[in-house]
Amino acid sequence: MERSKHDGEVAVAETVRLIRRRRQQVIRNEEQYRFCHEFMKSFVEGCAVYTKT
């Protein structure tokens, strides 16, 4: 999340790979993957709003 916040972009595939190195059972299907993408996108967009103020 911090990297996405800093870079201002959503890198879900890379994030999922990093998470799976520690916990292989997470994000098992497309629905969970899409949820992560939407969550990270909202997070990054929210950070951009607060940093521009």
PDB file of N, CA and C in Angstrom:
ATOM      1  N   MET A   1       0.825  -1.180   0.000  1.00  0.00           N
ATOM      2  CA  MET A   1       0.000   0.000   0.000  1.00  0.00           C
ATOM      3  C   MET A   1       0.875   1.250   0.000  1.00  0.00           C
ATOM      4  N   GLU A   2       1.921   1.237   0.799  1.00  0.00           N
ATOM      5  CA  GLU A   2       2.791   2.411   0.855  1.00  0.00           C
ATOM      6  C   GLU A   2       3.476   2.658  -0.485  1.00  0.00           C
ATOM      7  N   ARG A   3       3.869   1.594  -1.133  1.00  0.00           N
ATOM      8  CA  ARG A   3       4.514   1.748  -2.443  1.00  0.00           C
ATOM      9  C   ARG A   3       3.526   2.310  -3.460  1.00  0.00           C
ATOM     10  N   SER A   4       2.301   1.818  -3.445  1.00  0.00           N
ATOM     11  CA  SER A   4       1.277   2.334  -4.348  1.00  0.00           C
ATOM     12  C   SER A   4       0.992   3.799  -4.052  1.00  0.00           C
ATOM     13  N   LYS A   5       0.954   4.126  -2.776  1.00  0.00           N
ATOM     14  CA  LYS A   5       0.717   5.508  -2.361  1.00  0.00           C
ATOM     15  C   LYS A   5       1.850   6.407  -2.877  1.00  0.00           C
ATOM     16  N   HIS A   6       3.059   5.954  -2.724  1.00  0.00           N
ATOM     17  CA  HIS A   6       4.221   6.743  -3.141  1.00  0.00           C
ATOM     18  C   HIS A   6       4.303   6.874  -4.656  1.00  0.00           C
ATOM     19  N   ASP A   7       4.098   5.755  -5.361  1.00  0.00           N
ATOM     20  CA  ASP A   7       4.216   5.746  -6.821  1.00  0.00           C
ATOM     21  C   ASP A   7       2.994   6.331  -7.525  1.00  0.00           C
ATOM     22  N   GLY A   8       1.857   6.314  -6.827  1.00  0.00           N
ATOM     23  CA  GLY A   8       0.621   6.815  -7.420  1.00  0.00           C
ATOM     24  C   GLY A   8       0.038   5.890  -8.460  1.00  0.00           C
ATOM     25  N   GLU A   9       0.382   4.603  -8.392  1.00  0.00           N
ATOM     26  CA  GLU A   9      -0.162   3.636  -9.335  1.00  0.00           C
ATOM     27  C   GLU A   9      -0.535   2.348  -8.618  1.00  0.00           C
ATOM     28  N   VAL A  10      -1.408   1.604  -9.262  1.00  0.00           N
ATOM     29  CA  VAL A  10      -1.895   0.355  -8.700  1.00  0.00           C
ATOM     30  C   VAL A  10      -1.221  -0.801  -9.415  1.00  0.00           C
ATOM     31  N   ALA A  11      -0.398  -1.547  -8.699  1.00  0.00           N
ATOM     32  CA  ALA A  11       0.300  -2.701  -9.252  1.00  0.00           C
ATOM     33  C   ALA A  11      -0.198  -3.956  -8.545  1.00  0.00           C
ATOM     34  N   VAL A  12      -1.417  -4.342  -8.866  1.00  0.00           N
ATOM     35  CA  VAL A  12      -2.061  -5.443  -8.160  1.00  0.00           C
ATOM     36  C   VAL A  12      -1.358  -6.767  -8.402  1.00  0.00           C
ATOM     37  N   ALA A  13      -0.994  -7.065  -9.629  1.00  0.00           N
ATOM     38  CA  ALA A  13      -0.350  -8.349  -9.919  1.00  0.00           C
ATOM     39  C   ALA A  13       0.931  -8.509  -9.117  1.00  0.00           C
ATOM     40  N   GLU A  14       1.733  -7.469  -9.084  1.00  0.00           N
ATOM     41  CA  GLU A  14       2.978  -7.534  -8.313  1.00  0.00           C
ATOM     42  C   GLU A  14       2.692  -7.661  -6.820  1.00  0.00           C
ATOM     43  N   THR A  15       1.718  -6.916  -6.346  1.00  0.00           N
ATOM     44  CA  THR A  15       1.353  -6.968  -4.931  1.00  0.00           C
ATOM     45  C   THR A  15       0.868  -8.354  -4.541  1.00  0.00           C
ATOM     46  N   VAL A  16       0.041  -8.952  -5.390  1.00  0.00           N
ATOM     47  CA  VAL A  16      -0.462 -10.303  -5.115  1.00  0.00           C
ATOM     48  C   VAL A  16       0.694 -11.300  -5.062  1.00  0.00           C
ATOM     49  N   ARG A  17       1.644 -11.182  -5.973  1.00  0.00           N
ATOM     50  CA  ARG A  17       2.807 -12.086  -5.952  1.00  0.00           C
ATOM     51  C   ARG A  17       3.586 -11.946  -4.646  1.00  0.00           C
ATOM     52  N   LEU A  18       3.779 -10.718  -4.208  1.00  0.00           N
ATOM     53  CA  LEU A  18       4.515 -10.493  -2.955  1.00  0.00           C
ATOM     54  C   LEU A  18       3.765 -11.060  -1.752  1.00  0.00           C
ATOM     55  N   ILE A  19       2.460 -10.881  -1.728  1.00  0.00           N
ATOM     56  CA  ILE A  19       1.652 -11.411  -0.622  1.00  0.00           C
ATOM     57  C   ILE A  19       1.680 -12.930  -0.630  1.00  0.00           C
ATOM     58  N   ARG A  20       1.571 -13.528  -1.807  1.00  0.00           N
ATOM     59  CA  ARG A  20       1.546 -14.990  -1.906  1.00  0.00           C
ATOM     60  C   ARG A  20       2.853 -15.649  -1.492  1.00  0.00           C
ATOM     61  N   ARG A  21       3.938 -14.918  -1.542  1.00  0.00           N
ATOM     62  CA  ARG A  21       5.204 -15.477  -1.054  1.00  0.00           C
ATOM     63  C   ARG A  21       5.113 -15.806   0.427  1.00  0.00           C
ATOM     64  N   ARG A  22       4.356 -15.019   1.148  1.00  0.00           N
ATOM     65  CA  ARG A  22       4.205 -15.235   2.596  1.00  0.00           C
ATOM     66  C   ARG A  22       2.986 -16.079   2.945  1.00  0.00           C
ATOM     67  N   ARG A  23       1.908 -15.899   2.187  1.00  0.00           N
ATOM     68  CA  ARG A  23       0.666 -16.615   2.461  1.00  0.00           C
ATOM     69  C   ARG A  23       0.068 -17.107   1.153  1.00  0.00           C
ATOM     70  N   GLN A  24       0.349 -18.335   0.815  1.00  0.00           N
ATOM     71  CA  GLN A  24      -0.063 -18.880  -0.481  1.00  0.00           C
ATOM     72  C   GLN A  24      -1.570 -19.007  -0.633  1.00  0.00           C
ATOM     73  N   GLN A  25      -2.298 -19.078   0.458  1.00  0.00           N
ATOM     74  CA  GLN A  25      -3.736 -19.310   0.376  1.00  0.00           C
ATOM     75  C   GLN A  25      -4.564 -18.051   0.127  1.00  0.00           C
ATOM     76  N   VAL A  26      -3.949 -16.875   0.100  1.00  0.00           N
ATOM     77  CA  VAL A  26      -4.715 -15.647  -0.101  1.00  0.00           C
ATOM     78  C   VAL A  26      -4.982 -15.379  -1.571  1.00  0.00           C
ATOM     79  N   ILE A  27      -6.038 -14.644  -1.826  1.00  0.00           N
ATOM     80  CA  ILE A  27      -6.438 -14.209  -3.155  1.00  0.00           C
ATOM     81  C   ILE A  27      -6.485 -15.414  -4.104  1.00  0.00           C
ATOM     82  N   ARG A  28      -7.485 -16.220  -3.896  1.00  0.00           N
ATOM     83  CA  ARG A  28      -7.592 -17.499  -4.607  1.00  0.00           C
ATOM     84  C   ARG A  28      -8.404 -17.420  -5.896  1.00  0.00           C
ATOM     85  N   ASN A  29      -9.167 -16.351  -6.124  1.00  0.00           N
ATOM     86  CA  ASN A  29      -9.984 -16.312  -7.333  1.00  0.00           C
ATOM     87  C   ASN A  29     -10.071 -14.895  -7.902  1.00  0.00           C
ATOM     88  N   GLU A  30     -10.697 -14.783  -9.038  1.00  0.00           N
ATOM     89  CA  GLU A  30     -10.776 -13.503  -9.741  1.00  0.00           C
ATOM     90  C   GLU A  30     -11.559 -12.459  -8.947  1.00  0.00           C
ATOM     91  N   GLU A  31     -12.606 -12.893  -8.256  1.00  0.00           N
ATOM     92  CA  GLU A  31     -13.397 -11.957  -7.456  1.00  0.00           C
ATOM     93  C   GLU A  31     -12.540 -11.296  -6.373  1.00  0.00           C
ATOM     94  N   GLN A  32     -11.702 -12.060  -5.703  1.00  0.00           N
ATOM     95  CA  GLN A  32     -10.818 -11.513  -4.675  1.00  0.00           C
ATOM     96  C   GLN A  32      -9.755 -10.603  -5.302  1.00  0.00           C
ATOM     97  N   TYR A  33      -9.272 -10.986  -6.456  1.00  0.00           N
ATOM     98  CA  TYR A  33      -8.286 -10.180  -7.181  1.00  0.00           C
ATOM     99  C   TYR A  33      -8.885  -8.829  -7.555  1.00  0.00           C
ATOM    100  N   ARG A  34     -10.104  -8.855  -8.078  1.00  0.00           N
ATOM    101  CA  ARG A  34     -10.788  -7.610  -8.449  1.00  0.00           C
ATOM    102  C   ARG A  34     -11.036  -6.732  -7.224  1.00  0.00           C
ATOM    103  N   PHE A  35     -11.397  -7.353  -6.105  1.00  0.00           N
ATOM    104  CA  PHE A  35     -11.599  -6.596  -4.871  1.00  0.00           C
ATOM    105  C   PHE A  35     -10.307  -5.882  -4.475  1.00  0.00           C
ATOM    106  N   CYS A  36      -9.197  -6.577  -4.537  1.00  0.00           N
ATOM    107  CA  CYS A  36      -7.903  -5.970  -4.200  1.00  0.00           C
ATOM    108  C   CYS A  36      -7.601  -4.798  -5.122  1.00  0.00           C
ATOM    109  N   HIS A  37      -7.876  -4.974  -6.401  1.00  0.00           N
ATOM    110  CA  HIS A  37      -7.626  -3.904  -7.364  1.00  0.00           C
ATOM    111  C   HIS A  37      -8.464  -2.675  -7.030  1.00  0.00           C
ATOM    112  N   GLU A  38      -9.749  -2.858  -6.789  1.00  0.00           N
ATOM    113  CA  GLU A  38     -10.622  -1.730  -6.472  1.00  0.00           C
ATOM    114  C   GLU A  38     -10.222  -1.066  -5.153  1.00  0.00           C
ATOM    115  N   PHE A  39      -9.859  -1.875  -4.182  1.00  0.00           N
ATOM    116  CA  PHE A  39      -9.441  -1.327  -2.889  1.00  0.00           C
ATOM    117  C   PHE A  39      -8.178  -0.482  -3.042  1.00  0.00           C
ATOM    118  N   MET A  40      -7.192  -1.025  -3.743  1.00  0.00           N
ATOM    119  CA  MET A  40      -5.939  -0.287  -3.923  1.00  0.00           C
ATOM    120  C   MET A  40      -6.148   0.968  -4.766  1.00  0.00           C
ATOM    121  N   LYS A  41      -6.989   0.872  -5.771  1.00  0.00           N
ATOM    122  CA  LYS A  41      -7.287   2.028  -6.615  1.00  0.00           C
ATOM    123  C   LYS A  41      -7.928   3.136  -5.780  1.00  0.00           C
ATOM    124  N   SER A  42      -8.896   2.786  -4.957  1.00  0.00           N
ATOM    125  CA  SER A  42      -9.537   3.765  -4.081  1.00  0.00           C
ATOM    126  C   SER A  42      -8.539   4.367  -3.105  1.00  0.00           C
ATOM    127  N   PHE A  43      -7.662   3.542  -2.569  1.00  0.00           N
ATOM    128  CA  PHE A  43      -6.648   4.007  -1.627  1.00  0.00           C
ATOM    129  C   PHE A  43      -5.726   5.027  -2.285  1.00  0.00           C
ATOM    130  N   VAL A  44      -5.223   4.693  -3.464  1.00  0.00           N
ATOM    131  CA  VAL A  44      -4.302   5.583  -4.166  1.00  0.00           C
ATOM    132  C   VAL A  44      -4.997   6.890  -4.547  1.00  0.00           C
ATOM    133  N   GLU A  45      -6.215   6.792  -5.040  1.00  0.00           N
ATOM    134  CA  GLU A  45      -6.953   7.997  -5.407  1.00  0.00           C
ATOM    135  C   GLU A  45      -7.237   8.864  -4.183  1.00  0.00           C
ATOM    136  N   GLY A  46      -7.531   8.245  -3.056  1.00  0.00           N
ATOM    137  CA  GLY A  46      -7.761   8.979  -1.817  1.00  0.00           C
ATOM    138  C   GLY A  46      -6.515   9.677  -1.341  1.00  0.00           C
ATOM    139  N   CYS A  47      -5.383   9.032  -1.495  1.00  0.00           N
ATOM    140  CA  CYS A  47      -4.109   9.636  -1.085  1.00  0.00           C
ATOM    141  C   CYS A  47      -3.790  10.841  -1.964  1.00  0.00           C
ATOM    142  N   ALA A  48      -4.097  10.749  -3.251  1.00  0.00           N
ATOM    143  CA  ALA A  48      -3.817  11.856  -4.161  1.00  0.00           C
ATOM    144  C   ALA A  48      -4.652  13.076  -3.780  1.00  0.00           C
ATOM    145  N   VAL A  49      -5.864  12.858  -3.353  1.00  0.00           N
ATOM    146  CA  VAL A  49      -6.730  13.966  -2.937  1.00  0.00           C
ATOM    147  C   VAL A  49      -6.144  14.659  -1.726  1.00  0.00           C
ATOM    148  N   TYR A  50      -5.695  13.886  -0.749  1.00  0.00           N
ATOM    149  CA  TYR A  50      -5.182  14.472   0.473  1.00  0.00           C
ATOM    150  C   TYR A  50      -3.825  15.132   0.287  1.00  0.00           C
ATOM    151  N   THR A  51      -2.999  14.627  -0.599  1.00  0.00           N
ATOM    152  CA  THR A  51      -1.675  15.215  -0.764  1.00  0.00           C
ATOM    153  C   THR A  51      -1.701  16.482  -1.610  1.00  0.00           C
ATOM    154  N   LYS A  52      -2.724  16.680  -2.412  1.00  0.00           N
ATOM    155  CA  LYS A  52      -2.824  17.860  -3.255  1.00  0.00           C
ATOM    156  C   LYS A  52      -3.406  19.054  -2.510  1.00  0.00           C
ATOM    157  N   THR A  53      -3.958  18.851  -1.380  1.00  0.00           N
ATOM    158  CA  THR A  53      -4.601  19.925  -0.616  1.00  0.00           C
ATOM    159  C   THR A  53      -3.591  20.807   0.050  1.00  0.00           C
TER     160      THR A  53
END
